[in-house]
Amino acid sequence: MGGMNDLSSAPAPLRKPDWIRVKAPTSRAYGETRDLMRSLGLNTVCEEAACPNIGECWTKKHATVMILGDVCTRACSFCNVKTGMPRTLDPLEPENVAIAAAKLGLQHIVVTSVDRDDLPDGGAGQFVKVIEALRRTTPATTIEILTPDFRGKMREAVEAIVAAGPDVYNHNLETVPRLYPTIRPGARYYSSLRLLEEVKRHSPTVFTKSGIMLGLGEERLEVHQVMDDMRSAGIDFLTMGQYLRPTPKHAEVKEFVTPQAFSAYGAIARAKGFLQVASTPLTRSSYHAGEDFAAMRVAREAKLAKQR
């Protein structure tokens, strides 16, 4: 007889399907990338967020740098980054990011960060310094930034960062509005949309980008509505990937969305007018970011040519 502590009726965790499995990283180039980041005291979202693509990307010597430390002031239920009281900013971080970009020979770099609600500017000034250091050290490298929402400091932060001249400004919506209270409780859906609108207002030519995770319990029509909201905000590039649960303490996976369903979502997004769409189970914000940026530039030129 089962008692109150009988867990036999609890649903078993979903089994990870074959299409989401990846090989463990073992290449020499992977080790060299890891050692370089360690030597410069840099954090990467590849490690902190337990990205499934780390083996492939680091083997190609592509790494996404995470600035402002490795401790976040938020506690989103999907994210594997540590939460707590962050340390003071590293004044050498901007130059070390530029050194890493030069040593890796990056043509395109993605720079993201933890949330830093404790800082007066939310960390915007450090983003500016990183962009400036990259422009000095590796002027041919195109720069993509993935920022937090700068809660309560958004307009000033966006103005300063856009003035520094990134090539792509990314800020992820992460999920549909209905799921924000449980998945992204420290953020507001429409505030994130306004941030990306503000970027375009300050610089209509900068590419804007945003992404969502699938498999958290969202409905198909909710995803379509997010696409429409993004297009209304002028967002150029949409990424969609499968949510993977970092630990049993994080939000559970409600569904493993099939590659065919991702492909269908991608087709709908393209029909809605995004310049670039990446929609596969393993898609992440910075996955193949350089190739996607190049494709987005070509798409914009083709669109402008048709309008002439």
C-alpha atoms as a PDB file:
ATOM      1  CA  MET A   1       0.000   0.000   0.000  1.00  0.00           C
ATOM      2  CA  GLY A   2       1.296   3.409  -0.907  1.00  0.00           C
ATOM      3  CA  GLY A   3       1.385   6.066   1.777  1.00  0.00           C
ATOM      4  CA  MET A   4       1.666   9.850   1.669  1.00  0.00           C
ATOM      5  CA  ASN A   5       5.374   9.535   0.914  1.00  0.00           C
ATOM      6  CA  ASP A   6       4.845   7.177  -2.018  1.00  0.00           C
ATOM      7  CA  LEU A   7       6.284   8.904  -5.072  1.00  0.00           C
ATOM      8  CA  SER A   8       5.239   6.221  -7.517  1.00  0.00           C
ATOM      9  CA  SER A   9       2.389   8.402  -8.794  1.00  0.00           C
ATOM     10  CA  ALA A  10       4.678  11.354  -9.514  1.00  0.00           C
ATOM     11  CA  PRO A  11       5.332  11.805 -13.230  1.00  0.00           C
ATOM     12  CA  ALA A  12       8.792  10.700 -14.304  1.00  0.00           C
ATOM     13  CA  PRO A  13      11.061  13.326 -15.884  1.00  0.00           C
ATOM     14  CA  LEU A  14      10.865  13.392 -19.651  1.00  0.00           C
ATOM     15  CA  ARG A  15      13.566  11.349 -21.323  1.00  0.00           C
ATOM     16  CA  LYS A  16      15.933  13.425 -23.419  1.00  0.00           C
ATOM     17  CA  PRO A  17      15.411  12.500 -27.089  1.00  0.00           C
ATOM     18  CA  ASP A  18      18.217  11.581 -29.462  1.00  0.00           C
ATOM     19  CA  TRP A  19      18.036  14.881 -31.335  1.00  0.00           C
ATOM     20  CA  ILE A  20      19.058  16.846 -28.249  1.00  0.00           C
ATOM     21  CA  ARG A  21      22.081  14.710 -27.341  1.00  0.00           C
ATOM     22  CA  VAL A  22      25.585  16.038 -28.011  1.00  0.00           C
ATOM     23  CA  LYS A  23      29.084  14.597 -27.700  1.00  0.00           C
ATOM     24  CA  ALA A  24      31.274  15.463 -24.729  1.00  0.00           C
ATOM     25  CA  PRO A  25      33.998  17.997 -25.586  1.00  0.00           C
ATOM     26  CA  THR A  26      37.436  16.404 -25.948  1.00  0.00           C
ATOM     27  CA  SER A  27      39.320  18.297 -28.686  1.00  0.00           C
ATOM     28  CA  ARG A  28      42.645  20.041 -28.227  1.00  0.00           C
ATOM     29  CA  ALA A  29      41.172  23.344 -29.448  1.00  0.00           C
ATOM     30  CA  TYR A  30      38.470  23.058 -26.780  1.00  0.00           C
ATOM     31  CA  GLY A  31      41.141  22.800 -24.120  1.00  0.00           C
ATOM     32  CA  GLU A  32      43.068  25.742 -25.553  1.00  0.00           C
ATOM     33  CA  THR A  33      39.952  27.930 -25.510  1.00  0.00           C
ATOM     34  CA  ARG A  34      39.221  26.927 -21.900  1.00  0.00           C
ATOM     35  CA  ASP A  35      42.787  27.632 -20.819  1.00  0.00           C
ATOM     36  CA  LEU A  36      42.804  31.056 -22.483  1.00  0.00           C
ATOM     37  CA  MET A  37      39.641  32.097 -20.658  1.00  0.00           C
ATOM     38  CA  ARG A  38      41.077  30.864 -17.374  1.00  0.00           C
ATOM     39  CA  SER A  39      44.365  32.706 -17.875  1.00  0.00           C
ATOM     40  CA  LEU A  40      42.543  36.006 -18.493  1.00  0.00           C
ATOM     41  CA  GLY A  41      40.112  35.530 -15.611  1.00  0.00           C
ATOM     42  CA  LEU A  42      37.111  35.640 -17.937  1.00  0.00           C
ATOM     43  CA  ASN A  43      33.758  33.952 -17.436  1.00  0.00           C
ATOM     44  CA  THR A  44      31.773  32.440 -20.279  1.00  0.00           C
ATOM     45  CA  VAL A  45      28.054  31.813 -20.542  1.00  0.00           C
ATOM     46  CA  CYS A  46      29.023  28.625 -22.358  1.00  0.00           C
ATOM     47  CA  GLU A  47      30.138  27.148 -19.012  1.00  0.00           C
ATOM     48  CA  GLU A  48      27.963  29.047 -16.560  1.00  0.00           C
ATOM     49  CA  ALA A  49      24.733  28.240 -18.421  1.00  0.00           C
ATOM     50  CA  ALA A  50      25.824  24.669 -19.224  1.00  0.00           C
ATOM     51  CA  CYS A  51      25.339  25.213 -22.949  1.00  0.00           C
ATOM     52  CA  PRO A  52      25.022  21.941 -24.898  1.00  0.00           C
ATOM     53  CA  ASN A  53      26.988  23.412 -27.809  1.00  0.00           C
ATOM     54  CA  ILE A  54      30.153  24.191 -25.853  1.00  0.00           C
ATOM     55  CA  GLY A  55      32.138  21.343 -27.406  1.00  0.00           C
ATOM     56  CA  GLU A  56      31.374  22.398 -30.963  1.00  0.00           C
ATOM     57  CA  CYS A  57      31.848  26.125 -30.370  1.00  0.00           C
ATOM     58  CA  TRP A  58      35.038  25.930 -28.312  1.00  0.00           C
ATOM     59  CA  THR A  59      36.564  23.503 -30.790  1.00  0.00           C
ATOM     60  CA  LYS A  60      36.084  26.288 -33.345  1.00  0.00           C
ATOM     61  CA  LYS A  61      37.518  28.742 -30.760  1.00  0.00           C
ATOM     62  CA  HIS A  62      34.208  30.576 -30.486  1.00  0.00           C
ATOM     63  CA  ALA A  63      33.345  31.575 -26.928  1.00  0.00           C
ATOM     64  CA  THR A  64      30.660  33.869 -25.526  1.00  0.00           C
ATOM     65  CA  VAL A  65      32.151  36.047 -22.816  1.00  0.00           C
ATOM     66  CA  MET A  66      30.037  36.812 -19.744  1.00  0.00           C
ATOM     67  CA  ILE A  67      31.042  40.099 -18.137  1.00  0.00           C
ATOM     68  CA  LEU A  68      30.168  41.735 -14.794  1.00  0.00           C
ATOM     69  CA  GLY A  69      31.229  38.643 -12.860  1.00  0.00           C
ATOM     70  CA  ASP A  70      29.655  35.209 -12.477  1.00  0.00           C
ATOM     71  CA  VAL A  71      27.049  35.946  -9.785  1.00  0.00           C
ATOM     72  CA  CYS A  72      23.603  37.227 -10.781  1.00  0.00           C
ATOM     73  CA  THR A  73      21.256  39.352  -8.670  1.00  0.00           C
ATOM     74  CA  ARG A  74      18.208  37.570 -10.143  1.00  0.00           C
ATOM     75  CA  ALA A  75      17.003  33.996  -9.650  1.00  0.00           C
ATOM     76  CA  CYS A  76      15.268  32.952 -12.872  1.00  0.00           C
ATOM     77  CA  SER A  77      13.970  29.396 -12.663  1.00  0.00           C
ATOM     78  CA  PHE A  78      15.492  28.371 -16.005  1.00  0.00           C
ATOM     79  CA  CYS A  79      19.022  29.685 -15.490  1.00  0.00           C
ATOM     80  CA  ASN A  80      22.072  27.867 -14.136  1.00  0.00           C
ATOM     81  CA  VAL A  81      24.091  31.005 -13.268  1.00  0.00           C
ATOM     82  CA  LYS A  82      24.784  31.498  -9.559  1.00  0.00           C
ATOM     83  CA  THR A  83      22.584  33.907  -7.601  1.00  0.00           C
ATOM     84  CA  GLY A  84      23.797  36.030  -4.711  1.00  0.00           C
ATOM     85  CA  MET A  85      25.785  39.140  -3.852  1.00  0.00           C
ATOM     86  CA  PRO A  86      28.198  39.902  -6.726  1.00  0.00           C
ATOM     87  CA  ARG A  87      31.772  41.002  -6.292  1.00  0.00           C
ATOM     88  CA  THR A  88      33.110  44.380  -7.377  1.00  0.00           C
ATOM     89  CA  LEU A  89      33.727  44.878 -11.085  1.00  0.00           C
ATOM     90  CA  ASP A  90      37.071  43.832 -12.532  1.00  0.00           C
ATOM     91  CA  PRO A  91      38.676  46.944 -14.057  1.00  0.00           C
ATOM     92  CA  LEU A  92      40.821  44.725 -16.325  1.00  0.00           C
ATOM     93  CA  GLU A  93      37.831  42.872 -17.756  1.00  0.00           C
ATOM     94  CA  PRO A  94      37.281  45.086 -20.850  1.00  0.00           C
ATOM     95  CA  GLU A  95      40.899  44.823 -21.970  1.00  0.00           C
ATOM     96  CA  ASN A  96      40.997  41.090 -21.238  1.00  0.00           C
ATOM     97  CA  VAL A  97      37.913  40.533 -23.396  1.00  0.00           C
ATOM     98  CA  ALA A  98      39.692  42.343 -26.238  1.00  0.00           C
ATOM     99  CA  ILE A  99      42.851  40.287 -25.708  1.00  0.00           C
ATOM    100  CA  ALA A 100      40.801  37.079 -25.844  1.00  0.00           C
ATOM    101  CA  ALA A 101      39.100  38.176 -29.071  1.00  0.00           C
ATOM    102  CA  ALA A 102      42.476  38.913 -30.637  1.00  0.00           C
ATOM    103  CA  LYS A 103      44.086  35.628 -29.540  1.00  0.00           C
ATOM    104  CA  LEU A 104      41.090  33.588 -30.703  1.00  0.00           C
ATOM    105  CA  GLY A 105      41.052  35.459 -34.006  1.00  0.00           C
ATOM    106  CA  LEU A 106      37.344  36.205 -33.681  1.00  0.00           C
ATOM    107  CA  GLN A 107      35.627  37.822 -36.635  1.00  0.00           C
ATOM    108  CA  HIS A 108      32.460  38.139 -34.556  1.00  0.00           C
ATOM    109  CA  ILE A 109      32.191  38.187 -30.764  1.00  0.00           C
ATOM    110  CA  VAL A 110      29.182  37.833 -28.485  1.00  0.00           C
ATOM    111  CA  VAL A 111      29.377  39.520 -25.077  1.00  0.00           C
ATOM    112  CA  THR A 112      26.708  38.917 -22.453  1.00  0.00           C
ATOM    113  CA  SER A 113      26.428  39.424 -18.706  1.00  0.00           C
ATOM    114  CA  VAL A 114      24.713  38.529 -15.483  1.00  0.00           C
ATOM    115  CA  ASP A 115      22.063  40.890 -14.087  1.00  0.00           C
ATOM    116  CA  ARG A 116      23.606  43.506 -11.820  1.00  0.00           C
ATOM    117  CA  ASP A 117      20.694  45.258 -10.128  1.00  0.00           C
ATOM    118  CA  ASP A 118      23.144  46.324  -7.419  1.00  0.00           C
ATOM    119  CA  LEU A 119      25.001  48.727  -9.728  1.00  0.00           C
ATOM    120  CA  PRO A 120      23.757  52.291 -10.298  1.00  0.00           C
ATOM    121  CA  ASP A 121      23.830  51.807 -14.080  1.00  0.00           C
ATOM    122  CA  GLY A 122      23.044  48.090 -14.070  1.00  0.00           C
ATOM    123  CA  GLY A 123      26.468  47.421 -15.580  1.00  0.00           C
ATOM    124  CA  ALA A 124      25.906  49.432 -18.758  1.00  0.00           C
ATOM    125  CA  GLY A 125      29.198  51.282 -18.322  1.00  0.00           C
ATOM    126  CA  GLN A 126      31.141  48.009 -18.393  1.00  0.00           C
ATOM    127  CA  PHE A 127      29.455  47.051 -21.673  1.00  0.00           C
ATOM    128  CA  VAL A 128      30.564  50.410 -23.091  1.00  0.00           C
ATOM    129  CA  LYS A 129      34.152  49.856 -21.940  1.00  0.00           C
ATOM    130  CA  VAL A 130      34.217  46.360 -23.465  1.00  0.00           C
ATOM    131  CA  ILE A 131      32.944  47.645 -26.814  1.00  0.00           C
ATOM    132  CA  GLU A 132      35.521  50.453 -26.788  1.00  0.00           C
ATOM    133  CA  ALA A 133      38.345  48.037 -25.923  1.00  0.00           C
ATOM    134  CA  LEU A 134      37.326  45.704 -28.747  1.00  0.00           C
ATOM    135  CA  ARG A 135      37.199  48.567 -31.239  1.00  0.00           C
ATOM    136  CA  ARG A 136      40.735  49.581 -30.238  1.00  0.00           C
ATOM    137  CA  THR A 137      42.272  46.111 -30.195  1.00  0.00           C
ATOM    138  CA  THR A 138      40.384  44.185 -32.900  1.00  0.00           C
ATOM    139  CA  PRO A 139      38.679  46.814 -35.074  1.00  0.00           C
ATOM    140  CA  ALA A 140      37.673  44.270 -37.718  1.00  0.00           C
ATOM    141  CA  THR A 141      35.722  42.168 -35.209  1.00  0.00           C
ATOM    142  CA  THR A 142      31.966  42.706 -35.312  1.00  0.00           C
ATOM    143  CA  ILE A 143      30.371  42.991 -31.890  1.00  0.00           C
ATOM    144  CA  GLU A 144      27.147  41.452 -30.632  1.00  0.00           C
ATOM    145  CA  ILE A 145      25.979  42.207 -27.121  1.00  0.00           C
ATOM    146  CA  LEU A 146      23.348  40.339 -25.122  1.00  0.00           C
ATOM    147  CA  THR A 147      22.276  42.537 -22.235  1.00  0.00           C
ATOM    148  CA  PRO A 148      19.982  42.245 -19.228  1.00  0.00           C
ATOM    149  CA  ASP A 149      16.877  44.433 -19.004  1.00  0.00           C
ATOM    150  CA  PHE A 150      18.533  47.127 -16.829  1.00  0.00           C
ATOM    151  CA  ARG A 151      15.456  47.266 -14.618  1.00  0.00           C
ATOM    152  CA  GLY A 152      14.701  50.853 -13.622  1.00  0.00           C
ATOM    153  CA  LYS A 153      17.707  52.165 -15.599  1.00  0.00           C
ATOM    154  CA  MET A 154      16.773  51.071 -19.103  1.00  0.00           C
ATOM    155  CA  ARG A 155      16.716  54.308 -21.095  1.00  0.00           C
ATOM    156  CA  GLU A 156      20.029  55.653 -19.837  1.00  0.00           C
ATOM    157  CA  ALA A 157      21.700  52.260 -20.180  1.00  0.00           C
ATOM    158  CA  VAL A 158      20.473  51.693 -23.735  1.00  0.00           C
ATOM    159  CA  GLU A 159      21.464  55.200 -24.805  1.00  0.00           C
ATOM    160  CA  ALA A 160      25.034  54.751 -23.516  1.00  0.00           C
ATOM    161  CA  ILE A 161      25.515  51.279 -24.995  1.00  0.00           C
ATOM    162  CA  VAL A 162      24.040  52.098 -28.410  1.00  0.00           C
ATOM    163  CA  ALA A 163      26.256  55.194 -28.598  1.00  0.00           C
ATOM    164  CA  ALA A 164      29.284  52.884 -28.216  1.00  0.00           C
ATOM    165  CA  GLY A 165      28.309  51.254 -31.521  1.00  0.00           C
ATOM    166  CA  PRO A 166      27.640  47.509 -31.221  1.00  0.00           C
ATOM    167  CA  ASP A 167      26.701  45.783 -34.473  1.00  0.00           C
ATOM    168  CA  VAL A 168      23.968  43.643 -32.903  1.00  0.00           C
ATOM    169  CA  TYR A 169      21.961  44.382 -29.764  1.00  0.00           C
ATOM    170  CA  ASN A 170      20.391  41.256 -28.286  1.00  0.00           C
ATOM    171  CA  HIS A 171      18.034  40.984 -25.340  1.00  0.00           C
ATOM    172  CA  ASN A 172      16.088  37.770 -24.855  1.00  0.00           C
ATOM    173  CA  LEU A 173      12.391  37.680 -23.999  1.00  0.00           C
ATOM    174  CA  GLU A 174      12.997  34.030 -22.978  1.00  0.00           C
ATOM    175  CA  THR A 175       9.351  32.867 -22.873  1.00  0.00           C
ATOM    176  CA  VAL A 176       5.724  33.856 -23.406  1.00  0.00           C
ATOM    177  CA  PRO A 177       4.112  36.500 -21.142  1.00  0.00           C
ATOM    178  CA  ARG A 178       1.913  33.997 -19.264  1.00  0.00           C
ATOM    179  CA  LEU A 179       4.958  32.139 -17.929  1.00  0.00           C
ATOM    180  CA  TYR A 180       6.924  35.186 -16.704  1.00  0.00           C
ATOM    181  CA  PRO A 181       5.773  34.952 -13.046  1.00  0.00           C
ATOM    182  CA  THR A 182       7.306  31.478 -12.686  1.00  0.00           C
ATOM    183  CA  ILE A 183      10.093  31.453 -15.300  1.00  0.00           C
ATOM    184  CA  ARG A 184      11.359  35.040 -15.257  1.00  0.00           C
ATOM    185  CA  PRO A 185       9.892  36.550 -12.080  1.00  0.00           C
ATOM    186  CA  GLY A 186      12.315  39.474 -11.800  1.00  0.00           C
ATOM    187  CA  ALA A 187      11.522  40.774 -15.275  1.00  0.00           C
ATOM    188  CA  ARG A 188       8.564  42.178 -17.189  1.00  0.00           C
ATOM    189  CA  TYR A 189       7.700  41.069 -20.706  1.00  0.00           C
ATOM    190  CA  TYR A 190       6.665  44.472 -22.031  1.00  0.00           C
ATOM    191  CA  SER A 191       9.649  46.187 -20.426  1.00  0.00           C
ATOM    192  CA  SER A 192      11.921  43.872 -22.417  1.00  0.00           C
ATOM    193  CA  LEU A 193      10.025  44.712 -25.604  1.00  0.00           C
ATOM    194  CA  ARG A 194      10.358  48.430 -24.838  1.00  0.00           C
ATOM    195  CA  LEU A 195      14.112  48.021 -24.355  1.00  0.00           C
ATOM    196  CA  LEU A 196      14.485  46.679 -27.890  1.00  0.00           C
ATOM    197  CA  GLU A 197      12.204  49.421 -29.244  1.00  0.00           C
ATOM    198  CA  GLU A 198      14.431  51.951 -27.475  1.00  0.00           C
ATOM    199  CA  VAL A 199      17.512  50.501 -29.187  1.00  0.00           C
ATOM    200  CA  LYS A 200      15.919  51.028 -32.594  1.00  0.00           C
ATOM    201  CA  ARG A 201      14.832  54.539 -31.636  1.00  0.00           C
ATOM    202  CA  HIS A 202      18.410  55.502 -30.823  1.00  0.00           C
ATOM    203  CA  SER A 203      19.926  53.716 -33.833  1.00  0.00           C
ATOM    204  CA  PRO A 204      17.610  52.412 -36.580  1.00  0.00           C
ATOM    205  CA  THR A 205      20.561  50.724 -38.315  1.00  0.00           C
ATOM    206  CA  VAL A 206      21.716  48.528 -35.429  1.00  0.00           C
ATOM    207  CA  PHE A 207      20.462  44.964 -35.735  1.00  0.00           C
ATOM    208  CA  THR A 208      18.219  43.869 -32.872  1.00  0.00           C
ATOM    209  CA  LYS A 209      17.833  40.288 -31.793  1.00  0.00           C
ATOM    210  CA  SER A 210      15.817  38.326 -29.265  1.00  0.00           C
ATOM    211  CA  GLY A 211      15.132  34.719 -28.395  1.00  0.00           C
ATOM    212  CA  ILE A 212      12.750  32.411 -26.603  1.00  0.00           C
ATOM    213  CA  MET A 213      12.985  28.899 -25.170  1.00  0.00           C
ATOM    214  CA  LEU A 214      10.431  26.256 -26.080  1.00  0.00           C
ATOM    215  CA  GLY A 215       9.320  23.330 -23.951  1.00  0.00           C
ATOM    216  CA  LEU A 216       8.316  25.271 -20.828  1.00  0.00           C
ATOM    217  CA  GLY A 217       4.585  24.798 -21.340  1.00  0.00           C
ATOM    218  CA  GLU A 218       3.925  27.555 -23.854  1.00  0.00           C
ATOM    219  CA  GLU A 219       1.089  27.182 -26.364  1.00  0.00           C
ATOM    220  CA  ARG A 220       1.571  27.452 -30.123  1.00  0.00           C
ATOM    221  CA  LEU A 221      -0.576  30.582 -30.493  1.00  0.00           C
ATOM    222  CA  GLU A 222       1.301  32.219 -27.620  1.00  0.00           C
ATOM    223  CA  VAL A 223       4.552  31.724 -29.531  1.00  0.00           C
ATOM    224  CA  HIS A 224       2.960  33.257 -32.634  1.00  0.00           C
ATOM    225  CA  GLN A 225       1.887  36.269 -30.559  1.00  0.00           C
ATOM    226  CA  VAL A 226       5.443  36.736 -29.257  1.00  0.00           C
ATOM    227  CA  MET A 227       6.635  36.771 -32.873  1.00  0.00           C
ATOM    228  CA  ASP A 228       4.087  39.480 -33.689  1.00  0.00           C
ATOM    229  CA  ASP A 229       5.117  41.510 -30.635  1.00  0.00           C
ATOM    230  CA  MET A 230       8.765  41.257 -31.670  1.00  0.00           C
ATOM    231  CA  ARG A 231       8.031  42.401 -35.197  1.00  0.00           C
ATOM    232  CA  SER A 232       6.020  45.343 -33.830  1.00  0.00           C
ATOM    233  CA  ALA A 233       9.140  46.283 -31.849  1.00  0.00           C
ATOM    234  CA  GLY A 234      11.243  46.128 -35.030  1.00  0.00           C
ATOM    235  CA  ILE A 235      13.294  43.109 -33.981  1.00  0.00           C
ATOM    236  CA  ASP A 236      15.374  41.761 -36.876  1.00  0.00           C
ATOM    237  CA  PHE A 237      16.533  38.352 -35.652  1.00  0.00           C
ATOM    238  CA  LEU A 238      14.642  35.667 -33.735  1.00  0.00           C
ATOM    239  CA  THR A 239      16.205  32.610 -32.092  1.00  0.00           C
ATOM    240  CA  MET A 240      14.210  29.656 -30.764  1.00  0.00           C
ATOM    241  CA  GLY A 241      15.717  26.680 -28.953  1.00  0.00           C
ATOM    242  CA  GLN A 242      14.768  23.839 -26.633  1.00  0.00           C
ATOM    243  CA  TYR A 243      14.814  24.565 -22.907  1.00  0.00           C
ATOM    244  CA  LEU A 244      16.989  22.079 -21.029  1.00  0.00           C
ATOM    245  CA  ARG A 245      16.665  21.744 -17.258  1.00  0.00           C
ATOM    246  CA  PRO A 246      20.057  22.457 -15.634  1.00  0.00           C
ATOM    247  CA  THR A 247      19.253  20.741 -12.316  1.00  0.00           C
ATOM    248  CA  PRO A 248      16.207  19.221 -10.553  1.00  0.00           C
ATOM    249  CA  LYS A 249      15.820  22.554  -8.714  1.00  0.00           C
ATOM    250  CA  HIS A 250      15.067  24.401 -11.949  1.00  0.00           C
ATOM    251  CA  ALA A 251      11.854  24.610 -13.949  1.00  0.00           C
ATOM    252  CA  GLU A 252      10.924  21.265 -15.418  1.00  0.00           C
ATOM    253  CA  VAL A 253      10.816  20.495 -19.114  1.00  0.00           C
ATOM    254  CA  LYS A 254       7.172  20.199 -20.105  1.00  0.00           C
ATOM    255  CA  GLU A 255       7.890  19.053 -23.658  1.00  0.00           C
ATOM    256  CA  PHE A 256      10.761  18.190 -25.960  1.00  0.00           C
ATOM    257  CA  VAL A 257       9.719  20.023 -29.100  1.00  0.00           C
ATOM    258  CA  THR A 258      10.523  18.064 -32.251  1.00  0.00           C
ATOM    259  CA  PRO A 259      12.887  19.324 -34.950  1.00  0.00           C
ATOM    260  CA  GLN A 260       9.902  19.348 -37.319  1.00  0.00           C
ATOM    261  CA  ALA A 261       7.960  21.647 -34.993  1.00  0.00           C
ATOM    262  CA  PHE A 262      10.986  23.966 -34.704  1.00  0.00           C
ATOM    263  CA  SER A 263      11.197  24.058 -38.490  1.00  0.00           C
ATOM    264  CA  ALA A 264       7.505  24.963 -38.714  1.00  0.00           C
ATOM    265  CA  TYR A 265       7.935  27.770 -36.169  1.00  0.00           C
ATOM    266  CA  GLY A 266      10.895  29.034 -38.185  1.00  0.00           C
ATOM    267  CA  ALA A 267       8.865  29.116 -41.402  1.00  0.00           C
ATOM    268  CA  ILE A 268       6.120  31.118 -39.685  1.00  0.00           C
ATOM    269  CA  ALA A 269       8.687  33.567 -38.272  1.00  0.00           C
ATOM    270  CA  ARG A 270      10.209  34.133 -41.709  1.00  0.00           C
ATOM    271  CA  ALA A 271       6.750  34.756 -43.144  1.00  0.00           C
ATOM    272  CA  LYS A 272       6.222  37.403 -40.465  1.00  0.00           C
ATOM    273  CA  GLY A 273       9.204  39.344 -41.782  1.00  0.00           C
ATOM    274  CA  PHE A 274      12.237  38.643 -39.575  1.00  0.00           C
ATOM    275  CA  LEU A 275      15.490  39.222 -41.448  1.00  0.00           C
ATOM    276  CA  GLN A 276      17.022  36.139 -39.836  1.00  0.00           C
ATOM    277  CA  VAL A 277      15.587  33.190 -37.929  1.00  0.00           C
ATOM    278  CA  ALA A 278      17.371  30.359 -36.106  1.00  0.00           C
ATOM    279  CA  SER A 279      14.968  27.678 -34.902  1.00  0.00           C
ATOM    280  CA  THR A 280      16.300  24.245 -33.914  1.00  0.00           C
ATOM    281  CA  PRO A 281      16.365  22.283 -30.658  1.00  0.00           C
ATOM    282  CA  LEU A 282      20.028  23.183 -30.052  1.00  0.00           C
ATOM    283  CA  THR A 283      19.742  26.844 -31.062  1.00  0.00           C
ATOM    284  CA  ARG A 284      21.081  29.262 -28.459  1.00  0.00           C
ATOM    285  CA  SER A 285      21.517  33.041 -28.624  1.00  0.00           C
ATOM    286  CA  SER A 286      25.164  32.919 -29.618  1.00  0.00           C
ATOM    287  CA  TYR A 287      25.165  29.620 -31.531  1.00  0.00           C
ATOM    288  CA  HIS A 288      26.513  30.283 -35.068  1.00  0.00           C
ATOM    289  CA  ALA A 289      26.117  33.994 -34.292  1.00  0.00           C
ATOM    290  CA  GLY A 290      28.813  35.089 -36.739  1.00  0.00           C
ATOM    291  CA  GLU A 291      27.340  33.199 -39.683  1.00  0.00           C
ATOM    292  CA  ASP A 292      23.853  34.432 -38.810  1.00  0.00           C
ATOM    293  CA  PHE A 293      25.079  38.028 -38.588  1.00  0.00           C
ATOM    294  CA  ALA A 294      26.620  37.785 -42.049  1.00  0.00           C
ATOM    295  CA  ALA A 295      23.372  36.322 -43.428  1.00  0.00           C
ATOM    296  CA  MET A 296      21.371  39.097 -41.761  1.00  0.00           C
ATOM    297  CA  ARG A 297      23.499  41.782 -43.416  1.00  0.00           C
ATOM    298  CA  VAL A 298      22.957  40.162 -46.804  1.00  0.00           C
ATOM    299  CA  ALA A 299      19.205  39.966 -46.152  1.00  0.00           C
ATOM    300  CA  ARG A 300      19.047  43.653 -45.236  1.00  0.00           C
ATOM    301  CA  GLU A 301      20.942  44.675 -48.352  1.00  0.00           C
ATOM    302  CA  ALA A 302      18.589  42.585 -50.493  1.00  0.00           C
ATOM    303  CA  LYS A 303      15.561  44.158 -48.805  1.00  0.00           C
ATOM    304  CA  LEU A 304      16.908  47.671 -49.314  1.00  0.00           C
ATOM    305  CA  ALA A 305      17.710  46.922 -52.943  1.00  0.00           C
ATOM    306  CA  LYS A 306      14.086  45.943 -53.554  1.00  0.00           C
ATOM    307  CA  GLN A 307      12.904  49.202 -52.013  1.00  0.00           C
ATOM    308  CA  ARG A 308      15.075  51.371 -54.252  1.00  0.00           C
END
